All heavy atoms as atom14 arrays in JSON, in Angstrom:
{
  "sequence": "SKKILQWAIILLGAGLSLSQVWQTGIESLY",
  "atom14_mask": [
    [1, 1, 1, 1, 1, 1, 0, 0, 0, 0, 0, 0, 0, 0],
    [1, 1, 1, 1, 1, 1, 1, 1, 1, 0, 0, 0, 0, 0],
    [1, 1, 1, 1, 1, 1, 1, 1, 1, 0, 0, 0, 0, 0],
    [1, 1, 1, 1, 1, 1, 1, 1, 0, 0, 0, 0, 0, 0],
    [1, 1, 1, 1, 1, 1, 1, 1, 0, 0, 0, 0, 0, 0],
    [1, 1, 1, 1, 1, 1, 1, 1, 1, 0, 0, 0, 0, 0],
    [1, 1, 1, 1, 1, 1, 1, 1, 1, 1, 1, 1, 1, 1],
    [1, 1, 1, 1, 1, 0, 0, 0, 0, 0, 0, 0, 0, 0],
    [1, 1, 1, 1, 1, 1, 1, 1, 0, 0, 0, 0, 0, 0],
    [1, 1, 1, 1, 1, 1, 1, 1, 0, 0, 0, 0, 0, 0],
    [1, 1, 1, 1, 1, 1, 1, 1, 0, 0, 0, 0, 0, 0],
    [1, 1, 1, 1, 1, 1, 1, 1, 0, 0, 0, 0, 0, 0],
    [1, 1, 1, 1, 0, 0, 0, 0, 0, 0, 0, 0, 0, 0],
    [1, 1, 1, 1, 1, 0, 0, 0, 0, 0, 0, 0, 0, 0],
    [1, 1, 1, 1, 0, 0, 0, 0, 0, 0, 0, 0, 0, 0],
    [1, 1, 1, 1, 1, 1, 1, 1, 0, 0, 0, 0, 0, 0],
    [1, 1, 1, 1, 1, 1, 0, 0, 0, 0, 0, 0, 0, 0],
    [1, 1, 1, 1, 1, 1, 1, 1, 0, 0, 0, 0, 0, 0],
    [1, 1, 1, 1, 1, 1, 0, 0, 0, 0, 0, 0, 0, 0],
    [1, 1, 1, 1, 1, 1, 1, 1, 1, 0, 0, 0, 0, 0],
    [1, 1, 1, 1, 1, 1, 1, 0, 0, 0, 0, 0, 0, 0],
    [1, 1, 1, 1, 1, 1, 1, 1, 1, 1, 1, 1, 1, 1],
    [1, 1, 1, 1, 1, 1, 1, 1, 1, 0, 0, 0, 0, 0],
    [1, 1, 1, 1, 1, 1, 1, 0, 0, 0, 0, 0, 0, 0],
    [1, 1, 1, 1, 0, 0, 0, 0, 0, 0, 0, 0, 0, 0],
    [1, 1, 1, 1, 1, 1, 1, 1, 0, 0, 0, 0, 0, 0],
    [1, 1, 1, 1, 1, 1, 1, 1, 1, 0, 0, 0, 0, 0],
    [1, 1, 1, 1, 1, 1, 0, 0, 0, 0, 0, 0, 0, 0],
    [1, 1, 1, 1, 1, 1, 1, 1, 0, 0, 0, 0, 0, 0],
    [1, 1, 1, 1, 1, 1, 1, 1, 1, 1, 1, 1, 0, 0]
  ],
  "atom14_positions": [
    [[-152.9, 10.09, 46.83], [-151.46, 10.44, 47.03], [-151.05, 11.72, 46.32], [-150.05, 12.33, 46.71], [-150.56, 9.3, 46.59], [-150.63, 9.13, 45.18], [0.0, 0.0, 0.0], [0.0, 0.0, 0.0], [0.0, 0.0, 0.0], [0.0, 0.0, 0.0], [0.0, 0.0, 0.0], [0.0, 0.0, 0.0], [0.0, 0.0, 0.0], [0.0, 0.0, 0.0]],
    [[-151.82, 12.14, 45.32], [-151.48, 13.33, 44.56], [-152.41, 14.52, 44.89], [-151.99, 15.51, 45.46], [-151.55, 13.05, 43.04], [-150.67, 11.92, 42.6], [-149.2, 12.2, 42.72], [-148.39, 11.03, 42.17], [-146.92, 11.24, 42.39], [0.0, 0.0, 0.0], [0.0, 0.0, 0.0], [0.0, 0.0, 0.0], [0.0, 0.0, 0.0], [0.0, 0.0, 0.0]],
    [[-153.68, 14.4, 44.54], [-154.62, 15.52, 44.65], [-155.01, 15.82, 46.1], [-155.02, 16.99, 46.54], [-155.89, 15.18, 43.87], [-155.65, 15.13, 42.34], [-155.15, 16.46, 41.82], [-154.92, 16.4, 40.3], [-154.38, 17.67, 39.77], [0.0, 0.0, 0.0], [0.0, 0.0, 0.0], [0.0, 0.0, 0.0], [0.0, 0.0, 0.0], [0.0, 0.0, 0.0]],
    [[-155.33, 14.81, 46.88], [-155.7, 15.05, 48.27], [-154.53, 15.67, 49.05], [-154.69, 16.52, 49.91], [-156.22, 13.77, 48.94], [-157.59, 13.42, 48.38], [-156.31, 13.93, 50.48], [-158.26, 12.23, 48.99], [0.0, 0.0, 0.0], [0.0, 0.0, 0.0], [0.0, 0.0, 0.0], [0.0, 0.0, 0.0], [0.0, 0.0, 0.0], [0.0, 0.0, 0.0]],
    [[-153.34, 15.26, 48.68], [-152.14, 15.82, 49.3], [-152.07, 17.3, 49.0], [-151.77, 18.12, 49.93], [-150.88, 15.12, 48.68], [-149.56, 15.38, 49.32], [-149.55, 15.06, 50.8], [-148.48, 14.57, 48.61], [0.0, 0.0, 0.0], [0.0, 0.0, 0.0], [0.0, 0.0, 0.0], [0.0, 0.0, 0.0], [0.0, 0.0, 0.0], [0.0, 0.0, 0.0]],
    [[-152.33, 17.74, 47.81], [-152.28, 19.17, 47.5], [-153.4, 19.93, 48.21], [-153.18, 21.04, 48.69], [-152.38, 19.3, 45.98], [-151.17, 18.74, 45.23], [-151.29, 18.86, 43.71], [-152.21, 19.47, 43.21], [-150.37, 18.25, 42.98], [0.0, 0.0, 0.0], [0.0, 0.0, 0.0], [0.0, 0.0, 0.0], [0.0, 0.0, 0.0], [0.0, 0.0, 0.0]],
    [[-154.61, 19.35, 48.25], [-155.7, 20.01, 48.96], [-155.37, 20.19, 50.43], [-155.74, 21.17, 51.05], [-156.97, 19.23, 48.78], [-157.45, 19.15, 47.36], [-157.05, 19.92, 46.29], [-158.39, 18.22, 46.8], [-157.69, 19.53, 45.15], [-158.55, 18.52, 45.43], [-159.19, 17.19, 47.34], [-159.39, 17.76, 44.58], [-160.02, 16.46, 46.52], [-160.14, 16.76, 45.15]],
    [[-154.69, 19.2, 50.99], [-154.33, 19.29, 52.45], [-153.4, 20.44, 52.67], [-153.51, 21.16, 53.68], [-153.7, 17.97, 52.84], [0.0, 0.0, 0.0], [0.0, 0.0, 0.0], [0.0, 0.0, 0.0], [0.0, 0.0, 0.0], [0.0, 0.0, 0.0], [0.0, 0.0, 0.0], [0.0, 0.0, 0.0], [0.0, 0.0, 0.0], [0.0, 0.0, 0.0]],
    [[-152.43, 20.67, 51.78], [-151.49, 21.76, 51.92], [-152.22, 23.1, 51.81], [-151.95, 24.04, 52.61], [-150.38, 21.69, 50.86], [-149.57, 20.4, 51.0], [-149.48, 22.91, 50.93], [-148.84, 20.26, 52.3], [0.0, 0.0, 0.0], [0.0, 0.0, 0.0], [0.0, 0.0, 0.0], [0.0, 0.0, 0.0], [0.0, 0.0, 0.0], [0.0, 0.0, 0.0]],
    [[-153.21, 23.19, 50.91], [-154.0, 24.42, 50.77], [-154.74, 24.72, 52.07], [-154.74, 25.84, 52.57], [-154.98, 24.29, 49.61], [-154.21, 24.25, 48.27], [-155.97, 25.47, 49.59], [-155.05, 23.88, 47.07], [0.0, 0.0, 0.0], [0.0, 0.0, 0.0], [0.0, 0.0, 0.0], [0.0, 0.0, 0.0], [0.0, 0.0, 0.0], [0.0, 0.0, 0.0]],
    [[-155.39, 23.7, 52.67], [-156.09, 23.86, 53.92], [-155.17, 24.22, 55.06], [-155.57, 24.95, 55.98], [-156.92, 22.62, 54.24], [-158.37, 22.55, 53.83], [-158.99, 21.27, 54.3], [-159.12, 23.74, 54.35], [0.0, 0.0, 0.0], [0.0, 0.0, 0.0], [0.0, 0.0, 0.0], [0.0, 0.0, 0.0], [0.0, 0.0, 0.0], [0.0, 0.0, 0.0]],
    [[-153.96, 23.71, 55.01], [-152.99, 24.0, 56.05], [-152.73, 25.52, 56.14], [-152.56, 26.07, 57.22], [-151.67, 23.28, 55.73], [-150.57, 23.22, 56.81], [-151.03, 22.38, 57.99], [-149.29, 22.63, 56.24], [0.0, 0.0, 0.0], [0.0, 0.0, 0.0], [0.0, 0.0, 0.0], [0.0, 0.0, 0.0], [0.0, 0.0, 0.0], [0.0, 0.0, 0.0]],
    [[-152.79, 26.17, 55.01], [-152.58, 27.62, 54.99], [-153.67, 28.4, 55.71], [-153.43, 29.48, 56.24], [0.0, 0.0, 0.0], [0.0, 0.0, 0.0], [0.0, 0.0, 0.0], [0.0, 0.0, 0.0], [0.0, 0.0, 0.0], [0.0, 0.0, 0.0], [0.0, 0.0, 0.0], [0.0, 0.0, 0.0], [0.0, 0.0, 0.0], [0.0, 0.0, 0.0]],
    [[-154.86, 27.83, 55.79], [-156.0, 28.48, 56.44], [-155.78, 28.65, 57.94], [-156.5, 29.42, 58.6], [-157.32, 27.76, 56.14], [0.0, 0.0, 0.0], [0.0, 0.0, 0.0], [0.0, 0.0, 0.0], [0.0, 0.0, 0.0], [0.0, 0.0, 0.0], [0.0, 0.0, 0.0], [0.0, 0.0, 0.0], [0.0, 0.0, 0.0], [0.0, 0.0, 0.0]],
    [[-154.85, 27.89, 58.48], [-154.61, 27.96, 59.92], [-153.47, 28.93, 60.28], [-153.1, 29.07, 61.44], [0.0, 0.0, 0.0], [0.0, 0.0, 0.0], [0.0, 0.0, 0.0], [0.0, 0.0, 0.0], [0.0, 0.0, 0.0], [0.0, 0.0, 0.0], [0.0, 0.0, 0.0], [0.0, 0.0, 0.0], [0.0, 0.0, 0.0], [0.0, 0.0, 0.0]],
    [[-152.93, 29.62, 59.27], [-151.79, 30.53, 59.48], [-152.23, 31.98, 59.46], [-153.03, 32.39, 58.59], [-150.72, 30.31, 58.43], [-149.95, 28.98, 58.5], [-148.98, 28.9, 57.33], [-149.2, 28.82, 59.78], [0.0, 0.0, 0.0], [0.0, 0.0, 0.0], [0.0, 0.0, 0.0], [0.0, 0.0, 0.0], [0.0, 0.0, 0.0], [0.0, 0.0, 0.0]],
    [[-151.71, 32.78, 60.39], [-151.92, 34.22, 60.35], [-150.63, 34.89, 59.92], [-149.59, 34.8, 60.61], [-152.32, 34.74, 61.75], [-152.29, 36.15, 61.79], [0.0, 0.0, 0.0], [0.0, 0.0, 0.0], [0.0, 0.0, 0.0], [0.0, 0.0, 0.0], [0.0, 0.0, 0.0], [0.0, 0.0, 0.0], [0.0, 0.0, 0.0], [0.0, 0.0, 0.0]],
    [[-150.65, 35.53, 58.75], [-149.41, 36.13, 58.2], [-148.92, 37.29, 59.07], [-147.73, 37.55, 59.12], [-149.65, 36.61, 56.79], [-150.0, 35.47, 55.78], [-150.19, 36.09, 54.38], [-148.87, 34.45, 55.68], [0.0, 0.0, 0.0], [0.0, 0.0, 0.0], [0.0, 0.0, 0.0], [0.0, 0.0, 0.0], [0.0, 0.0, 0.0], [0.0, 0.0, 0.0]],
    [[-149.79, 37.96, 59.78], [-149.36, 39.05, 60.65], [-148.58, 38.52, 61.83], [-147.52, 39.08, 62.24], [-150.56, 39.86, 61.12], [-151.49, 39.05, 61.82], [0.0, 0.0, 0.0], [0.0, 0.0, 0.0], [0.0, 0.0, 0.0], [0.0, 0.0, 0.0], [0.0, 0.0, 0.0], [0.0, 0.0, 0.0], [0.0, 0.0, 0.0], [0.0, 0.0, 0.0]],
    [[-149.06, 37.42, 62.41], [-148.33, 36.79, 63.53], [-147.03, 36.21, 63.03], [-146.0, 36.27, 63.73], [-149.22, 35.7, 64.16], [-148.66, 35.12, 65.45], [-149.58, 34.05, 66.03], [-150.01, 33.16, 65.34], [-149.84, 34.17, 67.32], [0.0, 0.0, 0.0], [0.0, 0.0, 0.0], [0.0, 0.0, 0.0], [0.0, 0.0, 0.0], [0.0, 0.0, 0.0]],
    [[-147.07, 35.63, 61.84], [-145.88, 35.05, 61.25], [-144.79, 36.14, 61.04], [-143.64, 35.93, 61.27], [-146.19, 34.37, 59.9], [-144.96, 34.13, 59.06], [-146.91, 33.04, 60.17], [0.0, 0.0, 0.0], [0.0, 0.0, 0.0], [0.0, 0.0, 0.0], [0.0, 0.0, 0.0], [0.0, 0.0, 0.0], [0.0, 0.0, 0.0], [0.0, 0.0, 0.0]],
    [[-145.26, 37.35, 60.56], [-144.34, 38.44, 60.33], [-143.63, 38.87, 61.6], [-142.41, 39.04, 61.61], [-145.1, 39.61, 59.71], [-144.26, 40.85, 59.51], [-144.23, 41.92, 60.34], [-143.31, 41.09, 58.49], [-143.31, 42.86, 59.88], [-142.74, 42.38, 58.76], [-142.89, 40.36, 57.38], [-141.8, 42.9, 57.93], [-141.89, 40.93, 56.58], [-141.36, 42.2, 56.84]],
    [[-144.42, 39.05, 62.67], [-143.82, 39.49, 63.92], [-142.83, 38.48, 64.47], [-141.72, 38.87, 64.87], [-144.96, 39.71, 64.95], [-144.44, 40.22, 66.3], [-145.56, 40.41, 67.32], [-146.72, 40.32, 66.99], [-145.18, 40.69, 68.55], [0.0, 0.0, 0.0], [0.0, 0.0, 0.0], [0.0, 0.0, 0.0], [0.0, 0.0, 0.0], [0.0, 0.0, 0.0]],
    [[-143.21, 37.23, 64.49], [-142.3, 36.2, 64.97], [-141.1, 35.98, 64.03], [-139.99, 35.75, 64.48], [-143.05, 34.84, 65.14], [-144.18, 35.05, 65.93], [-142.14, 33.79, 65.78], [0.0, 0.0, 0.0], [0.0, 0.0, 0.0], [0.0, 0.0, 0.0], [0.0, 0.0, 0.0], [0.0, 0.0, 0.0], [0.0, 0.0, 0.0], [0.0, 0.0, 0.0]],
    [[-141.35, 36.17, 62.74], [-140.28, 35.99, 61.77], [-139.2, 37.04, 61.93], [-138.02, 36.71, 61.77], [0.0, 0.0, 0.0], [0.0, 0.0, 0.0], [0.0, 0.0, 0.0], [0.0, 0.0, 0.0], [0.0, 0.0, 0.0], [0.0, 0.0, 0.0], [0.0, 0.0, 0.0], [0.0, 0.0, 0.0], [0.0, 0.0, 0.0], [0.0, 0.0, 0.0]],
    [[-139.55, 38.27, 62.3], [-138.56, 39.31, 62.52], [-137.67, 38.92, 63.73], [-136.45, 39.08, 63.71], [-139.23, 40.66, 62.78], [-139.94, 41.14, 61.49], [-138.22, 41.71, 63.23], [-139.04, 41.35, 60.28], [0.0, 0.0, 0.0], [0.0, 0.0, 0.0], [0.0, 0.0, 0.0], [0.0, 0.0, 0.0], [0.0, 0.0, 0.0], [0.0, 0.0, 0.0]],
    [[-138.32, 38.42, 64.79], [-137.6, 38.07, 66.0], [-136.64, 36.86, 65.78], [-135.59, 36.8, 66.37], [-138.59, 37.73, 67.12], [-139.46, 38.86, 67.56], [-140.55, 38.45, 68.5], [-140.66, 37.21, 68.8], [-141.33, 39.29, 68.97], [0.0, 0.0, 0.0], [0.0, 0.0, 0.0], [0.0, 0.0, 0.0], [0.0, 0.0, 0.0], [0.0, 0.0, 0.0]],
    [[-137.08, 35.96, 64.9], [-136.28, 34.73, 64.75], [-135.6, 34.66, 63.37], [-135.14, 33.56, 62.96], [-137.22, 33.51, 64.9], [-138.27, 33.56, 63.97], [0.0, 0.0, 0.0], [0.0, 0.0, 0.0], [0.0, 0.0, 0.0], [0.0, 0.0, 0.0], [0.0, 0.0, 0.0], [0.0, 0.0, 0.0], [0.0, 0.0, 0.0], [0.0, 0.0, 0.0]],
    [[-135.53, 35.77, 62.67], [-135.07, 35.79, 61.29], [-133.68, 35.19, 61.12], [-133.47, 34.31, 60.27], [-135.06, 37.22, 60.74], [-134.62, 37.39, 59.28], [-135.56, 36.64, 58.35], [-134.57, 38.87, 58.89], [0.0, 0.0, 0.0], [0.0, 0.0, 0.0], [0.0, 0.0, 0.0], [0.0, 0.0, 0.0], [0.0, 0.0, 0.0], [0.0, 0.0, 0.0]],
    [[-132.7, 35.66, 61.9], [-131.33, 35.16, 61.74], [-131.23, 33.68, 61.99], [-130.6, 32.94, 61.22], [-130.4, 35.94, 62.69], [-130.05, 37.33, 62.26], [-130.47, 38.44, 63.0], [-129.34, 37.56, 61.08], [-130.17, 39.74, 62.57], [-129.02, 38.84, 60.66], [-129.47, 39.94, 61.42], [-129.17, 41.18, 60.99], [0.0, 0.0, 0.0], [0.0, 0.0, 0.0]]
  ]
}
């Protein structure tokens, strides 16, 4: 409930592309 939870969040980040996030974030910022 504590450690595996944190490791899961770390691995979740591996599926994100910050460049794609940036582009979409600008469009949906407001």
